[in-house]
Protein backbone atom coordinates (compact mmCIF):
# COMPACT_ATOMS: atom_id res chain seq x y z
CA MET A 1 0.00 0.00 0.00
CA ALA A 2 1.40 3.40 -0.95
CA CYS A 3 1.37 5.99 1.83
CA THR A 4 0.28 9.59 1.39
CA SER A 5 3.14 12.05 0.94
CA PHE A 6 3.38 15.64 2.07
CA THR A 7 2.72 17.86 -0.94
CA SER A 8 2.79 21.33 0.62
CA ALA A 9 3.56 23.29 3.76
CA ARG A 10 1.04 25.00 6.03
CA GLY A 11 1.49 28.30 7.82
CA LEU A 12 -0.23 29.42 10.99
CA ALA A 13 -4.01 29.65 10.84
CA CYS A 14 -5.73 32.98 11.27
CA THR A 15 -6.00 33.79 14.97
CA LYS A 16 -9.62 34.88 14.57
CA THR A 17 -11.14 31.43 14.85
CA MET A 18 -14.01 30.49 17.09
CA GLY A 19 -14.91 27.11 18.55
CA GLY A 20 -18.20 25.25 18.60
CA ILE A 21 -20.93 24.35 16.14
CA ASP A 22 -24.24 26.11 15.65
CA THR A 23 -26.10 23.82 13.26
CA ALA A 24 -26.20 20.11 12.48
CA TYR A 25 -27.78 18.63 9.36
CA LEU A 26 -28.64 14.95 9.86
CA ILE A 27 -29.52 12.29 7.33
CA GLN A 28 -30.15 8.59 7.65
CA TYR A 29 -27.06 6.54 6.78
CA LEU A 30 -27.11 4.75 3.44
CA PRO A 31 -23.94 2.91 2.35
CA SER A 32 -24.67 3.81 -1.28
CA ALA A 33 -24.61 7.59 -0.72
CA SER A 34 -21.83 9.35 -2.59
CA PHE A 35 -20.59 12.81 -3.49
CA THR A 36 -18.13 14.66 -5.72
CA THR A 37 -14.83 15.94 -4.33
CA SER A 38 -12.33 18.52 -5.51
CA SER A 39 -8.64 17.79 -6.01
CA ILE A 40 -7.96 18.64 -2.34
CA GLY A 41 -10.75 16.39 -1.01
CA LEU A 42 -13.34 19.14 -0.39
CA ILE A 43 -16.89 17.90 -0.96
CA SER A 44 -17.72 20.21 -3.83
CA GLY A 45 -20.73 18.79 -5.62
CA SER A 46 -23.67 16.49 -5.77
CA PHE A 47 -24.68 14.20 -2.95
CA THR A 48 -26.24 11.26 -4.79
CA ASN A 49 -27.83 7.88 -4.06
CA LEU A 50 -29.57 9.15 -0.94
CA GLY A 51 -32.59 6.93 -1.50
CA GLY A 52 -34.97 9.87 -1.29
CA ASN A 53 -33.68 10.82 2.18
CA LYS A 54 -33.15 14.46 3.05
CA PHE A 55 -30.94 16.32 5.48
CA TYR A 56 -32.81 17.64 8.52
CA GLU A 57 -31.56 20.88 10.07
CA PHE A 58 -31.11 21.17 13.84
CA GLU A 59 -30.18 24.57 15.26
CA LEU A 60 -28.04 24.29 18.38
CA ILE A 61 -27.58 26.43 21.48
CA GLN A 62 -24.45 28.57 21.31
CA GLU A 63 -21.40 27.30 23.18
CA THR A 64 -22.88 23.88 24.00
CA SER A 65 -22.41 21.56 21.02
CA ASN A 66 -19.29 20.24 19.29
CA PHE A 67 -17.66 17.59 17.15
CA THR A 68 -14.30 15.92 17.61
CA PHE A 69 -12.20 13.44 15.72
CA THR A 70 -9.33 11.52 17.27
CA PRO A 71 -6.70 9.54 15.36
CA ASN A 72 -6.16 6.07 16.82
CA ALA A 73 -2.94 4.44 15.63
CA ASN A 74 -1.19 1.20 16.48
CA VAL A 75 2.31 1.06 15.01
CA GLN A 76 2.72 -2.64 15.75
CA ASN A 77 -0.48 -3.57 13.94
CA GLN A 78 0.00 -0.87 11.29
CA SER A 79 -3.57 0.29 11.84
CA LEU A 80 -5.04 3.78 11.84
CA PHE A 81 -8.62 4.96 12.20
CA TYR A 82 -10.40 8.11 13.34
CA GLU A 83 -13.02 8.17 16.05
CA GLU A 84 -15.61 10.90 15.45
CA THR A 85 -18.04 12.25 18.02
CA LEU A 86 -20.88 14.71 17.64
CA THR A 87 -22.54 16.12 20.76
CA MET A 88 -25.71 18.16 20.38
CA VAL A 89 -27.45 20.00 23.22
CA PHE A 90 -31.12 21.01 23.20
CA SER A 91 -33.11 22.99 25.75
CA GLY A 92 -36.70 22.28 26.61
CA TYR A 93 -38.12 18.81 26.46
CA ASP A 94 -41.38 18.02 24.72
CA ALA A 95 -43.05 15.40 22.54
CA VAL A 96 -41.45 16.69 19.31
CA LEU A 97 -37.92 16.59 20.74
CA ARG A 98 -38.62 13.16 22.24
CA ASN A 99 -39.64 11.87 18.81
CA HIS A 100 -36.52 13.36 17.17
CA ILE A 101 -34.25 11.77 19.77
CA THR A 102 -35.99 8.40 19.44
CA ALA A 103 -35.55 8.47 15.66
CA MET A 104 -31.88 9.49 15.99
CA ALA A 105 -31.21 6.71 18.50
CA ASN A 106 -32.88 4.07 16.35
CA ASN A 107 -30.92 4.87 13.19
CA THR A 108 -27.37 5.20 12.01
CA ILE A 109 -26.88 8.70 10.63
CA ARG A 110 -24.45 10.93 8.78
CA ALA A 111 -24.10 14.61 9.60
CA ILE A 112 -22.93 17.89 8.16
CA VAL A 113 -22.01 20.30 10.94
CA LYS A 114 -21.61 24.05 10.62
CA THR A 115 -18.91 25.52 12.84
CA ASN A 116 -19.01 28.98 14.33
CA ASP A 117 -16.35 29.85 11.72
CA ASN A 118 -18.94 29.17 8.99
CA LYS A 119 -17.21 26.01 7.78
CA TYR A 120 -19.03 22.76 7.14
CA PHE A 121 -17.74 19.24 7.86
CA TYR A 122 -19.13 15.82 6.93
CA LEU A 123 -19.20 13.22 9.73
CA GLY A 124 -19.90 9.51 9.49
CA GLU A 125 -18.73 9.13 5.90
CA TRP A 126 -17.42 5.58 6.16
CA SER A 127 -19.67 3.79 8.67
CA GLY A 128 -22.09 6.41 9.91
CA LEU A 129 -22.67 7.68 13.43
CA ASP A 130 -24.61 5.91 16.18
CA VAL A 131 -25.90 7.18 19.50
CA SER A 132 -23.33 6.40 22.18
CA ALA A 133 -24.41 8.55 25.12
CA GLY A 134 -26.82 11.17 26.28
CA GLU A 135 -28.55 12.67 29.26
CA ALA A 136 -31.74 14.54 29.91
CA GLY A 137 -33.24 16.27 32.88
CA SER A 138 -35.21 19.10 34.33
CA GLY A 139 -32.36 20.76 36.18
CA THR A 140 -32.67 21.74 39.83
CA ALA A 141 -32.28 25.49 40.11
CA ALA A 142 -34.25 28.00 38.07
CA GLY A 143 -31.17 28.76 35.92
CA ASP A 144 -30.39 25.08 35.15
CA ARG A 145 -30.93 23.60 31.72
CA ASN A 146 -34.20 21.75 31.21
CA GLY A 147 -33.33 19.67 28.18
CA LEU A 148 -30.95 17.06 26.92
CA SER A 149 -27.71 16.25 25.19
CA ILE A 150 -27.07 13.40 22.79
CA THR A 151 -23.71 12.10 21.59
CA PHE A 152 -23.06 10.16 18.40
CA ARG A 153 -19.91 8.14 17.72
CA GLY A 154 -18.47 6.74 14.53
CA ILE A 155 -15.30 5.18 13.19
CA ASN A 156 -13.85 6.47 9.95
CA ASN A 157 -10.83 5.62 7.84
CA ASN A 158 -10.03 9.33 7.26
CA PRO A 159 -10.57 12.63 9.09
CA PRO A 160 -13.87 14.41 8.32
CA ARG A 161 -14.03 16.16 4.95
CA GLU A 162 -14.88 19.83 4.59
CA VAL A 163 -18.05 20.58 2.61
CA ASP A 164 -18.21 23.51 0.20
CA ALA A 165 -20.52 26.07 1.84
CA GLY A 166 -22.17 26.67 -1.53
CA LEU A 167 -23.70 23.18 -1.40
CA ILE A 168 -25.67 23.88 1.74
CA ASN A 169 -28.16 26.15 -0.01
CA SER A 170 -28.15 24.36 -3.33
CA THR A 171 -30.03 21.60 -5.05
CA TYR A 172 -27.27 19.14 -4.10
CA VAL A 173 -28.15 19.07 -0.40
CA THR A 174 -31.91 18.70 0.08
CA PHE A 175 -33.47 19.76 3.35
CA ALA A 176 -36.82 18.70 4.70
């Protein structure tokens, strides 16, 4: 197997970055789903073979939700994979949110997340994301959160790809 080579250098990133995610777009996982990428691996066109499924938009509370990906390597076994997590936090608990959470927990999903830097990333590309944790409650004090958080976990063979922002409001990514 040929290994990837370095093809360019990278300078320091702009210091005006901001953490967190503000929106997640979820879709049911289908192994047949595919997309077009640019020469640098950016998802730049057409999500296809979605079986009629659509992305559903979930707005998130500022400074509560995030995604991570962690490389896991074993030199002796010559293995490498990336563990992805997506944690979403919602306030208020009602029948509609209960039904959303039940559907999320009963399905493997893929997600596009929008960061607070207005960049989009695709999670669950290889094997999808499954619910791995969560918690819900009423809080105790008047200022406590009455709501829930849900965490998805997935294993991928590569880090998450960036999605061209132009696709989000195009015919290539369909929202319900």
